[in-house]
Structure formats: structure tokens, C-alpha cells
C-alpha atoms as a PDB file:
ATOM      1  CA  MET A   1       6.060   2.176 -15.694  1.00  0.00           C
ATOM      2  CA  SER A   2       3.749  -0.585 -14.565  1.00  0.00           C
ATOM      3  CA  ASP A   3       0.028  -0.984 -15.221  1.00  0.00           C
ATOM      4  CA  TYR A   4      -0.641   1.022 -12.051  1.00  0.00           C
ATOM      5  CA  THR A   5      -0.208   4.329 -13.907  1.00  0.00           C
ATOM      6  CA  ASP A   6      -3.902   5.222 -14.333  1.00  0.00           C
ATOM      7  CA  LEU A   7      -4.815   4.291 -10.773  1.00  0.00           C
ATOM      8  CA  LEU A   8      -1.897   6.293  -9.338  1.00  0.00           C
ATOM      9  CA  GLU A   9      -2.811   9.252 -11.528  1.00  0.00           C
ATOM     10  CA  ALA A  10      -6.380   9.187 -10.194  1.00  0.00           C
ATOM     11  CA  ALA A  11      -5.017   9.203  -6.624  1.00  0.00           C
ATOM     12  CA  ARG A  12      -2.741  12.129  -7.475  1.00  0.00           C
ATOM     13  CA  GLU A  13      -5.464  14.156  -9.171  1.00  0.00           C
ATOM     14  CA  ILE A  14      -7.980  13.939  -6.311  1.00  0.00           C
ATOM     15  CA  GLN A  15      -5.438  15.440  -3.906  1.00  0.00           C
ATOM     16  CA  SER A  16      -6.367  18.891  -5.188  1.00  0.00           C
ATOM     17  CA  ALA A  17      -9.780  18.484  -3.504  1.00  0.00           C
ATOM     18  CA  ALA A  18      -8.258  17.697  -0.082  1.00  0.00           C
ATOM     19  CA  HIS A  19      -9.114  19.943   2.884  1.00  0.00           C
ATOM     20  CA  VAL A  20      -5.839  20.129   4.817  1.00  0.00           C
ATOM     21  CA  PRO A  21      -5.550  23.510   6.577  1.00  0.00           C
ATOM     22  CA  TYR A  22      -3.618  22.044   9.527  1.00  0.00           C
ATOM     23  CA  SER A  23      -1.079  19.602   8.121  1.00  0.00           C
ATOM     24  CA  GLU A  24      -0.961  20.752   4.487  1.00  0.00           C
ATOM     25  CA  TYR A  25      -0.365  17.035   3.747  1.00  0.00           C
ATOM     26  CA  ARG A  26      -2.638  16.116   0.848  1.00  0.00           C
ATOM     27  CA  VAL A  27      -3.486  12.449   0.330  1.00  0.00           C
ATOM     28  CA  GLY A  28      -5.486  10.871  -2.446  1.00  0.00           C
ATOM     29  CA  ALA A  29      -6.702   7.319  -2.855  1.00  0.00           C
ATOM     30  CA  ALA A  30      -8.123   5.493  -5.866  1.00  0.00           C
ATOM     31  CA  LEU A  31      -9.962   2.238  -5.172  1.00  0.00           C
ATOM     32  CA  GLU A  32     -10.640  -0.153  -8.040  1.00  0.00           C
ATOM     33  CA  THR A  33     -13.634  -2.462  -7.974  1.00  0.00           C
ATOM     34  CA  GLU A  34     -13.600  -5.999  -9.283  1.00  0.00           C
ATOM     35  CA  ASP A  35     -15.442  -4.813 -12.407  1.00  0.00           C
ATOM     36  CA  GLY A  36     -12.877  -2.046 -13.074  1.00  0.00           C
ATOM     37  CA  GLU A  37     -14.735   1.001 -11.764  1.00  0.00           C
ATOM     38  CA  VAL A  38     -12.594   3.458  -9.786  1.00  0.00           C
ATOM     39  CA  PHE A  39     -13.676   5.493  -6.776  1.00  0.00           C
ATOM     40  CA  VAL A  40     -11.466   8.245  -5.391  1.00  0.00           C
ATOM     41  CA  GLY A  41     -11.154   9.945  -2.039  1.00  0.00           C
ATOM     42  CA  CYS A  42      -9.039  12.642  -0.425  1.00  0.00           C
ATOM     43  CA  ASN A  43      -8.294  13.536   3.159  1.00  0.00           C
ATOM     44  CA  LEU A  44     -10.557  16.009   4.948  1.00  0.00           C
ATOM     45  CA  GLU A  45      -9.061  17.469   8.107  1.00  0.00           C
ATOM     46  CA  ASN A  46     -11.026  18.801  11.042  1.00  0.00           C
ATOM     47  CA  ALA A  47      -9.803  21.018  13.884  1.00  0.00           C
ATOM     48  CA  ASN A  48     -10.703  18.101  16.151  1.00  0.00           C
ATOM     49  CA  PHE A  49      -8.204  15.763  14.497  1.00  0.00           C
ATOM     50  CA  SER A  50     -10.071  12.610  15.526  1.00  0.00           C
ATOM     51  CA  ASN A  51     -12.946  13.686  13.259  1.00  0.00           C
ATOM     52  CA  SER A  52     -10.723  13.927  10.177  1.00  0.00           C
ATOM     53  CA  LEU A  53     -11.434  11.587   7.294  1.00  0.00           C
ATOM     54  CA  HIS A  54      -8.659   9.774   5.502  1.00  0.00           C
ATOM     55  CA  ALA A  55      -8.523   9.444   1.717  1.00  0.00           C
ATOM     56  CA  GLU A  56      -8.882   5.656   1.801  1.00  0.00           C
ATOM     57  CA  GLU A  57     -11.989   5.889   4.004  1.00  0.00           C
ATOM     58  CA  VAL A  58     -13.588   8.443   1.698  1.00  0.00           C
ATOM     59  CA  ALA A  59     -12.895   6.287  -1.375  1.00  0.00           C
ATOM     60  CA  ILE A  60     -14.290   3.109   0.166  1.00  0.00           C
ATOM     61  CA  ALA A  61     -17.346   4.951   1.504  1.00  0.00           C
ATOM     62  CA  GLU A  62     -18.087   6.280  -1.968  1.00  0.00           C
ATOM     63  CA  ALA A  63     -17.716   2.810  -3.508  1.00  0.00           C
ATOM     64  CA  VAL A  64     -19.869   1.100  -0.881  1.00  0.00           C
ATOM     65  CA  LYS A  65     -22.486   3.863  -1.155  1.00  0.00           C
ATOM     66  CA  ASN A  66     -22.676   3.025  -4.853  1.00  0.00           C
ATOM     67  CA  GLY A  67     -23.243  -0.675  -4.188  1.00  0.00           C
ATOM     68  CA  HIS A  68     -19.740  -2.088  -4.567  1.00  0.00           C
ATOM     69  CA  ARG A  69     -18.316  -4.661  -2.178  1.00  0.00           C
ATOM     70  CA  ASP A  70     -15.580  -6.390  -4.227  1.00  0.00           C
ATOM     71  CA  PHE A  71     -12.257  -4.625  -4.714  1.00  0.00           C
ATOM     72  CA  THR A  72      -8.980  -5.565  -6.405  1.00  0.00           C
ATOM     73  CA  ARG A  73      -6.561  -2.769  -5.569  1.00  0.00           C
ATOM     74  CA  ILE A  74      -6.090   0.672  -4.109  1.00  0.00           C
ATOM     75  CA  ALA A  75      -3.511   3.323  -4.945  1.00  0.00           C
ATOM     76  CA  VAL A  76      -2.454   5.840  -2.305  1.00  0.00           C
ATOM     77  CA  SER A  77      -0.467   8.992  -3.008  1.00  0.00           C
ATOM     78  CA  SER A  78       0.555  12.027  -1.009  1.00  0.00           C
ATOM     79  CA  SER A  79       1.528  15.450  -2.277  1.00  0.00           C
ATOM     80  CA  ARG A  80       5.065  14.660  -1.089  1.00  0.00           C
ATOM     81  CA  ARG A  81       5.209  11.410  -3.136  1.00  0.00           C
ATOM     82  CA  ASP A  82       6.822   9.784  -0.110  1.00  0.00           C
ATOM     83  CA  GLY A  83       5.490   6.240  -0.460  1.00  0.00           C
ATOM     84  CA  VAL A  84       2.744   6.780   2.120  1.00  0.00           C
ATOM     85  CA  THR A  85       0.861   3.617   3.102  1.00  0.00           C
ATOM     86  CA  PRO A  86      -2.628   3.449   4.610  1.00  0.00           C
ATOM     87  CA  CYS A  87      -2.582   3.998   8.374  1.00  0.00           C
ATOM     88  CA  GLY A  88      -3.713   1.253  10.757  1.00  0.00           C
ATOM     89  CA  MET A  89      -7.256   2.606  10.955  1.00  0.00           C
ATOM     90  CA  CYS A  90      -7.571   2.645   7.153  1.00  0.00           C
ATOM     91  CA  ARG A  91      -6.079  -0.841   6.907  1.00  0.00           C
ATOM     92  CA  GLN A  92      -8.747  -2.114   9.284  1.00  0.00           C
ATOM     93  CA  THR A  93     -11.486  -0.308   7.339  1.00  0.00           C
ATOM     94  CA  LEU A  94     -10.222  -1.841   4.094  1.00  0.00           C
ATOM     95  CA  SER A  95     -10.160  -5.288   5.699  1.00  0.00           C
ATOM     96  CA  GLU A  96     -13.879  -4.983   6.430  1.00  0.00           C
ATOM     97  CA  PHE A  97     -14.539  -5.110   2.685  1.00  0.00           C
ATOM     98  CA  CYS A  98     -11.378  -6.610   1.175  1.00  0.00           C
ATOM     99  CA  ASP A  99      -9.471  -9.854   1.416  1.00  0.00           C
ATOM    100  CA  GLY A 100      -5.830  -9.970   2.387  1.00  0.00           C
ATOM    101  CA  ASP A 101      -4.845 -10.176  -1.286  1.00  0.00           C
ATOM    102  CA  LEU A 102      -6.040  -6.610  -2.056  1.00  0.00           C
ATOM    103  CA  GLU A 103      -3.128  -4.858  -3.774  1.00  0.00           C
ATOM    104  CA  VAL A 104      -2.022  -1.657  -2.037  1.00  0.00           C
ATOM    105  CA  ILE A 105      -0.024   0.562  -4.388  1.00  0.00           C
ATOM    106  CA  CYS A 106       2.023   3.291  -2.700  1.00  0.00           C
ATOM    107  CA  ASP A 107       3.288   6.228  -4.760  1.00  0.00           C
ATOM    108  CA  GLY A 108       7.018   6.872  -4.524  1.00  0.00           C
ATOM    109  CA  GLY A 109       7.032   9.652  -7.113  1.00  0.00           C
ATOM    110  CA  GLU A 110       7.308  10.394 -10.819  1.00  0.00           C
ATOM    111  CA  GLY A 111       9.538   7.938 -12.628  1.00  0.00           C
ATOM    112  CA  GLU A 112       9.668   5.619  -9.632  1.00  0.00           C
ATOM    113  CA  GLU A 113       8.025   2.217  -9.522  1.00  0.00           C
ATOM    114  CA  PRO A 114       5.466   2.212  -6.701  1.00  0.00           C
ATOM    115  CA  ASP A 115       5.835  -0.001  -3.674  1.00  0.00           C
ATOM    116  CA  VAL A 116       3.172  -2.702  -3.871  1.00  0.00           C
ATOM    117  CA  TYR A 117       1.943  -4.665  -0.877  1.00  0.00           C
ATOM    118  CA  THR A 118      -1.029  -6.851  -0.131  1.00  0.00           C
ATOM    119  CA  LEU A 119      -3.410  -5.799   2.597  1.00  0.00           C
ATOM    120  CA  GLY A 120      -2.523  -9.042   4.374  1.00  0.00           C
ATOM    121  CA  GLU A 121       1.142  -8.002   4.467  1.00  0.00           C
ATOM    122  CA  LEU A 122       0.253  -4.606   5.895  1.00  0.00           C
ATOM    123  CA  LEU A 123      -2.290  -5.942   8.388  1.00  0.00           C
ATOM    124  CA  PRO A 124      -1.785  -9.600   9.306  1.00  0.00           C
ATOM    125  CA  ASP A 125      -4.260 -11.285  11.647  1.00  0.00           C
ATOM    126  CA  THR A 126      -6.847  -8.561  11.190  1.00  0.00           C
ATOM    127  CA  ILE A 127      -9.996  -8.267  13.273  1.00  0.00           C
ATOM    128  CA  THR A 128     -12.862  -9.773  11.275  1.00  0.00           C
ATOM    129  CA  GLN A 129     -16.461 -10.746  11.854  1.00  0.00           C
ATOM    130  CA  GLU A 130     -15.218 -14.271  12.545  1.00  0.00           C
ATOM    131  CA  THR A 131     -12.862 -12.887  15.226  1.00  0.00           C
ATOM    132  CA  LEU A 132     -15.807 -11.277  16.992  1.00  0.00           C
ATOM    133  CA  GLU A 133     -17.840 -14.484  16.974  1.00  0.00           C
END
């Protein structure tokens, strides 16, 4: 197994805290800062689905709240271990704080090597502050 083991395990463990009464699809994310600190998040569903929070958003909010702005990689895992990737909204949120070279590690399951992408591969030509100017 690669050196992603600890980060994937953190993403798997936080899934138990997810609030998913509608989909029963638990997602966990573990975001690593440039200095090696890890912040985790899980999905929190709401009956008004547009108000639901995604695991990646919760993890980045926790990191930013604690003063971090430089990130190296994020691991994402679902309870189904189906290789889930961040959705478009989460990709855009990540791009607000991360360069295109952020590693995105997607859990394919026990004994399987994860799929690894860069944020730039998942979201080319992202909307940035420069785009808005």
C-alpha cells in the first residue's frame, strides 16, 4: 500500500460521524496541510438537499478556521469504497485555497491502490480571483 494509508484511514474513520438519514451514503475527507496537520470532515445532509454540507467542504472549513491556507493533498472515501471523487462544487471550493497540483486521493477499497488525481486534472480552467478581475 502506498504512503496514503494514514490519510485514507482518517477519511474512513470520520464517516461514522456523518449525518446521512436520506441517502445513507457516508463520505469522509481528510485534508493535509503543508506542515502535515490533518483536518477531517464528513457529509451532513439536510432535508433541503441544497443545504447539505459535503465532507470536503467541512474539512477545508475546519482547516481554514484554524488558520491554514496551504494544503498538499486530500483523501476522500465513501462507505461503499467506490472511488468517489469530489463533486464539482467541492472541486471549486478546493480551488479557492489550493493550486492545481493538490493531490486528490480517492478510496477504491481495502487492498486496492487508490486512484490519485491532481485538482487541476479534475477541474481544469477553474474560476479564480484572476478570472473575476
